[in-house]
């Protein structure tokens, strides 16, 4: 199992394919396990790197594991790109992973060539979305008082819907449930979507982010996520948008993403093309 020691934790990672780098950042609760099929597809046209964020699945949970901040995840991603000589990369982030990808691009612009944001969880951009997220935060904390292991299920029922949660396999539901300690650590931290003090991206900060960006919205997702994407598309200067079928677990290797990569991945060096 490949791991790298970055910022005091061991991160599990996988590399699929070769060529210009793509980094995939999963949401909360989740792991790189849910990205493996997409990584195989992305690896046919890039060097696709996926990893479990700190505290999730195969990556280390630091001790004590009370709180995780947005800054921790951003620095982990930056360090991973550095250690694997994979910058600048096209960064694909889903949900909380999209928020991390955005902040990575803002803090480390030289490490991000382009962004693909699959319903990024930056709820502070819209007042109603922010209220929705804060209500969800309170609900998760109340549920966790009675049953800490139910934190992940509560989040996913809100994001996916009760029917979609029920349609997941028992194995996948257990996989998400096991991530509940990481969900609660993020809620107790700073800067993340369900934190008490989530990230606020100013107009000036957004205007400075020049990377080509694709923002994808799913038809069946909560209105809060639609509102965030509309506002983000207005703020970022070099953005295109797409609406896809389905719910919040948007495919990181869907046809819209692949088309964007074909237009924004740098060409392979001639030695690799001729290999």
Protein backbone atom coordinates (compact mmCIF):
# COMPACT_ATOMS: atom_id res chain seq x y z
CA UNK A 1 0.00 0.00 0.00
CA UNK A 2 1.83 3.17 -1.16
CA UNK A 3 1.97 5.96 1.39
CA UNK A 4 3.82 9.24 1.77
CA UNK A 5 4.65 11.06 4.99
CA UNK A 6 3.52 14.69 4.63
CA UNK A 7 2.84 17.28 7.32
CA UNK A 8 3.10 14.73 10.11
CA UNK A 9 0.71 12.09 8.67
CA UNK A 10 0.95 9.11 6.33
CA UNK A 11 -1.25 9.59 3.27
CA UNK A 12 -2.36 6.67 1.12
CA UNK A 13 -2.16 7.41 -2.62
CA UNK A 14 -2.40 5.76 -6.02
CA UNK A 15 -0.98 6.73 -9.42
CA UNK A 16 -2.77 5.66 -12.60
CA UNK A 17 -1.24 6.15 -16.04
CA UNK A 18 1.46 8.56 -17.17
CA UNK A 19 1.76 11.98 -18.72
CA UNK A 20 0.61 15.40 -17.50
CA UNK A 21 -0.56 15.22 -13.87
CA UNK A 22 -4.14 15.22 -12.62
CA UNK A 23 -4.92 15.23 -8.89
CA UNK A 24 -8.28 13.98 -7.60
CA UNK A 25 -9.53 15.17 -4.20
CA UNK A 26 -12.47 13.27 -2.72
CA UNK A 27 -15.33 14.69 -0.70
CA UNK A 28 -16.56 14.18 2.87
CA UNK A 29 -17.25 11.41 3.76
CA UNK A 30 -15.45 9.41 1.09
CA UNK A 31 -12.02 8.18 0.00
CA UNK A 32 -9.99 7.40 -3.09
CA UNK A 33 -11.80 4.06 -3.17
CA UNK A 34 -14.76 5.77 -4.83
CA UNK A 35 -12.47 7.32 -7.45
CA UNK A 36 -10.72 4.16 -8.64
CA UNK A 37 -12.87 3.59 -11.75
CA UNK A 38 -12.58 7.26 -12.69
CA UNK A 39 -8.82 7.19 -12.10
CA UNK A 40 -8.47 4.28 -14.53
CA UNK A 41 -10.24 6.33 -17.20
CA UNK A 42 -8.31 9.51 -16.41
CA UNK A 43 -5.07 7.51 -16.42
CA UNK A 44 -5.50 6.81 -20.13
CA UNK A 45 -4.77 10.45 -20.93
CA UNK A 46 -2.85 11.64 -17.82
CA UNK A 47 -0.87 10.69 -14.74
CA UNK A 48 -3.84 10.56 -12.38
CA UNK A 49 -3.10 10.76 -8.66
CA UNK A 50 -5.80 9.98 -6.11
CA UNK A 51 -5.40 9.78 -2.35
CA UNK A 52 -7.23 9.38 0.93
CA UNK A 53 -7.26 12.67 2.81
CA UNK A 54 -5.93 12.69 6.37
CA UNK A 55 -8.24 10.80 8.70
CA UNK A 56 -10.06 8.96 5.89
CA UNK A 57 -9.93 5.21 5.21
CA UNK A 58 -6.32 4.16 4.52
CA UNK A 59 -4.61 7.42 5.52
CA UNK A 60 -3.45 8.07 9.05
CA UNK A 61 -5.67 9.63 11.68
CA UNK A 62 -3.43 11.93 13.71
CA UNK A 63 -3.58 11.63 17.47
CA UNK A 64 -5.38 13.28 19.07
CA UNK A 65 -7.97 13.38 16.29
CA UNK A 66 -10.15 16.19 17.58
CA UNK A 67 -10.12 18.72 14.74
CA UNK A 68 -8.98 19.02 11.12
CA UNK A 69 -8.74 22.38 9.37
CA UNK A 70 -9.05 23.34 5.72
CA UNK A 71 -5.43 24.50 5.90
CA UNK A 72 -4.35 20.96 6.87
CA UNK A 73 -5.96 19.45 3.78
CA UNK A 74 -4.58 22.19 1.51
CA UNK A 75 -1.05 21.75 2.79
CA UNK A 76 -1.35 17.96 2.47
CA UNK A 77 -2.38 18.28 -1.19
CA UNK A 78 0.41 20.75 -1.92
CA UNK A 79 2.99 18.52 -0.23
CA UNK A 80 1.74 15.46 -2.11
CA UNK A 81 2.12 17.24 -5.46
CA UNK A 82 5.59 18.35 -4.45
CA UNK A 83 6.70 14.90 -3.29
CA UNK A 84 5.47 13.27 -6.49
CA UNK A 85 6.89 16.01 -8.77
CA UNK A 86 3.35 16.48 -10.08
CA UNK A 87 2.95 20.25 -10.21
CA UNK A 88 1.37 22.03 -11.90
CA UNK A 89 -1.57 19.63 -12.04
CA UNK A 90 -5.15 19.81 -13.20
CA UNK A 91 -6.99 19.38 -9.88
CA UNK A 92 -10.42 17.73 -9.76
CA UNK A 93 -12.32 18.18 -6.50
CA UNK A 94 -15.75 16.85 -5.54
CA UNK A 95 -17.84 18.48 -2.81
CA UNK A 96 -15.50 19.24 0.13
CA UNK A 97 -12.68 18.21 -2.18
CA UNK A 98 -13.75 21.02 -4.50
CA UNK A 99 -13.43 23.52 -1.68
CA UNK A 100 -9.94 22.17 -0.94
CA UNK A 101 -9.03 22.37 -4.64
CA UNK A 102 -10.13 26.01 -4.79
CA UNK A 103 -8.09 26.98 -1.76
CA UNK A 104 -5.10 25.03 -3.09
CA UNK A 105 -5.29 27.07 -6.30
CA UNK A 106 -5.56 30.31 -4.34
CA UNK A 107 -2.72 29.62 -1.92
CA UNK A 108 -0.45 27.73 -4.33
CA UNK A 109 -1.30 28.98 -7.84
CA UNK A 110 1.89 27.58 -9.30
CA UNK A 111 0.81 24.05 -8.38
CA UNK A 112 -2.58 24.19 -10.16
CA UNK A 113 -2.78 24.37 -13.96
CA UNK A 114 -6.59 24.13 -14.11
CA UNK A 115 -9.55 23.24 -11.90
CA UNK A 116 -12.51 20.90 -12.24
CA UNK A 117 -15.01 21.57 -9.45
CA UNK A 118 -17.77 19.00 -8.95
CA UNK A 119 -20.28 20.86 -6.79
CA UNK A 120 -17.67 22.43 -4.49
CA UNK A 121 -18.97 22.89 -0.95
CA UNK A 122 -18.31 26.61 -0.57
CA UNK A 123 -21.66 27.46 0.99
CA UNK A 124 -20.67 30.91 2.25
CA UNK A 125 -21.05 32.25 -1.30
CA UNK A 126 -24.84 32.25 -1.02
CA UNK A 127 -26.87 33.25 2.08
CA UNK A 128 -29.49 30.51 1.69
CA UNK A 129 -26.82 27.89 1.02
CA UNK A 130 -24.90 29.06 4.09
CA UNK A 131 -28.05 28.72 6.20
CA UNK A 132 -28.63 25.22 4.78
CA UNK A 133 -25.07 24.20 5.66
CA UNK A 134 -25.25 25.59 9.18
CA UNK A 135 -28.53 23.77 9.79
CA UNK A 136 -26.93 20.57 8.55
CA UNK A 137 -23.96 21.18 10.87
CA UNK A 138 -26.30 21.49 13.86
CA UNK A 139 -28.21 18.39 12.82
CA UNK A 140 -25.03 16.32 12.46
CA UNK A 141 -23.76 17.45 15.85
CA UNK A 142 -27.09 16.65 17.50
CA UNK A 143 -27.19 13.19 15.91
CA UNK A 144 -23.57 12.57 16.88
CA UNK A 145 -24.36 13.31 20.52
CA UNK A 146 -26.52 10.18 20.49
CA UNK A 147 -24.60 8.12 17.94
CA UNK A 148 -21.20 9.39 16.70
CA UNK A 149 -21.07 6.73 13.98
CA UNK A 150 -24.17 8.23 12.34
CA UNK A 151 -22.44 11.48 11.36
CA UNK A 152 -21.59 10.36 7.82
CA UNK A 153 -25.06 9.00 7.13
CA UNK A 154 -26.62 12.29 8.22
CA UNK A 155 -24.42 14.28 5.85
CA UNK A 156 -25.03 11.98 2.91
CA UNK A 157 -28.78 11.78 3.38
CA UNK A 158 -28.82 15.59 3.12
CA UNK A 159 -26.57 15.69 0.04
CA UNK A 160 -27.84 12.63 -1.84
CA UNK A 161 -31.37 12.15 -0.53
CA UNK A 162 -32.81 9.32 1.54
CA UNK A 163 -33.59 7.19 -1.50
CA UNK A 164 -30.04 7.43 -2.88
CA UNK A 165 -28.57 6.59 0.54
CA UNK A 166 -30.83 3.55 0.80
CA UNK A 167 -29.81 2.41 -2.69
CA UNK A 168 -26.14 2.20 -1.74
CA UNK A 169 -24.74 -1.26 -1.07
CA UNK A 170 -24.34 -2.31 2.55
CA UNK A 171 -20.58 -2.39 2.02
CA UNK A 172 -20.51 1.18 0.73
CA UNK A 173 -22.78 2.44 3.51
CA UNK A 174 -20.38 0.87 6.02
CA UNK A 175 -17.43 2.48 4.26
CA UNK A 176 -19.04 5.88 4.67
CA UNK A 177 -20.05 5.17 8.26
CA UNK A 178 -16.46 4.33 9.17
CA UNK A 179 -15.50 7.87 8.09
CA UNK A 180 -17.68 9.47 10.78
CA UNK A 181 -14.72 10.37 13.05
CA UNK A 182 -13.18 12.35 10.15
CA UNK A 183 -16.52 14.06 9.46
CA UNK A 184 -16.75 15.19 13.07
CA UNK A 185 -13.10 16.29 13.15
CA UNK A 186 -13.74 18.54 10.13
CA UNK A 187 -16.86 19.98 11.74
CA UNK A 188 -14.80 20.84 14.83
CA UNK A 189 -12.06 22.40 12.69
CA UNK A 190 -11.86 25.67 10.78
CA UNK A 191 -12.46 26.60 7.17
CA UNK A 192 -14.34 23.53 5.93
CA UNK A 193 -17.90 23.54 4.67
CA UNK A 194 -19.57 22.39 7.92
CA UNK A 195 -17.10 24.10 10.27
CA UNK A 196 -18.32 26.80 12.62
CA UNK A 197 -16.07 29.23 10.71
CA UNK A 198 -16.13 28.06 7.07
CA UNK A 199 -14.02 29.52 4.26
CA UNK A 200 -15.18 32.85 2.85
CA UNK A 201 -13.84 33.65 -0.61
CA UNK A 202 -13.84 37.37 -1.35
CA UNK A 203 -14.51 38.90 -4.76
CA UNK A 204 -10.92 40.13 -4.93
CA UNK A 205 -9.51 36.70 -4.08
CA UNK A 206 -11.71 35.03 -6.67
CA UNK A 207 -10.76 37.60 -9.33
CA UNK A 208 -7.08 36.73 -8.83
CA UNK A 209 -7.66 33.04 -9.60
CA UNK A 210 -6.89 32.84 -13.31
CA UNK A 211 -6.72 29.08 -13.80
CA UNK A 212 -9.16 27.67 -16.39
CA UNK A 213 -12.02 26.24 -14.35
CA UNK A 214 -14.88 23.86 -15.10
CA UNK A 215 -17.79 23.94 -12.64
CA UNK A 216 -20.23 21.03 -12.83
CA UNK A 217 -23.70 20.91 -11.26
CA UNK A 218 -25.88 17.80 -10.99
CA UNK A 219 -29.57 18.09 -11.82
CA UNK A 220 -30.83 16.23 -8.73
CA UNK A 221 -28.59 17.88 -6.12
CA UNK A 222 -29.94 20.19 -3.39
CA UNK A 223 -30.65 23.77 -4.44
CA UNK A 224 -27.91 24.96 -2.08
CA UNK A 225 -25.30 23.35 -4.35
CA UNK A 226 -26.87 24.86 -7.47
CA UNK A 227 -26.78 28.31 -5.84
CA UNK A 228 -23.12 27.97 -4.86
CA UNK A 229 -22.13 27.01 -8.40
CA UNK A 230 -24.05 29.89 -9.95
CA UNK A 231 -22.33 32.37 -7.64
CA UNK A 232 -18.89 30.84 -8.11
CA UNK A 233 -19.25 31.01 -11.89
CA UNK A 234 -19.94 34.73 -11.57
CA UNK A 235 -16.85 35.31 -9.40
CA UNK A 236 -14.11 33.30 -11.11
CA UNK A 237 -12.76 35.02 -14.25
CA UNK A 238 -11.93 32.02 -16.45
CA UNK A 239 -14.83 29.64 -15.99
CA UNK A 240 -17.13 27.35 -17.94
CA UNK A 241 -20.10 25.49 -16.49
CA UNK A 242 -22.02 22.31 -17.19
CA UNK A 243 -25.19 20.64 -15.92
CA UNK A 244 -25.16 16.84 -15.78
CA UNK A 245 -27.74 14.20 -14.93
CA UNK A 246 -27.80 12.50 -11.55
CA UNK A 247 -26.99 13.55 -8.02
CA UNK A 248 -24.15 14.92 -5.92
CA UNK A 249 -21.65 12.12 -6.59
CA UNK A 250 -20.68 13.57 -9.97
CA UNK A 251 -18.43 11.32 -12.07
CA UNK A 252 -14.86 12.74 -12.04
CA UNK A 253 -14.28 11.12 -15.43
CA UNK A 254 -17.54 12.00 -17.15
CA UNK A 255 -17.52 13.12 -20.76
CA UNK A 256 -17.66 16.83 -19.85
CA UNK A 257 -14.60 16.46 -17.65
CA UNK A 258 -12.72 14.50 -20.30
CA UNK A 259 -13.45 17.14 -22.92
CA UNK A 260 -12.15 19.85 -20.58
CA UNK A 261 -8.97 17.84 -19.92
CA UNK A 262 -8.39 17.33 -23.63
CA UNK A 263 -8.41 21.10 -24.03
CA UNK A 264 -6.35 22.01 -20.96
CA UNK A 265 -3.86 19.22 -20.28
CA UNK A 266 -0.43 20.10 -21.64
CA UNK A 267 0.76 17.78 -24.43
CA UNK A 268 2.91 14.79 -23.58
CA UNK A 269 6.66 15.22 -24.11
CA UNK A 270 7.73 13.77 -27.46
CA UNK A 271 9.68 10.96 -25.73
CA UNK A 272 6.45 9.74 -24.11
CA UNK A 273 4.38 10.14 -27.26
CA UNK A 274 6.86 7.96 -29.19
CA UNK A 275 7.34 5.40 -26.42
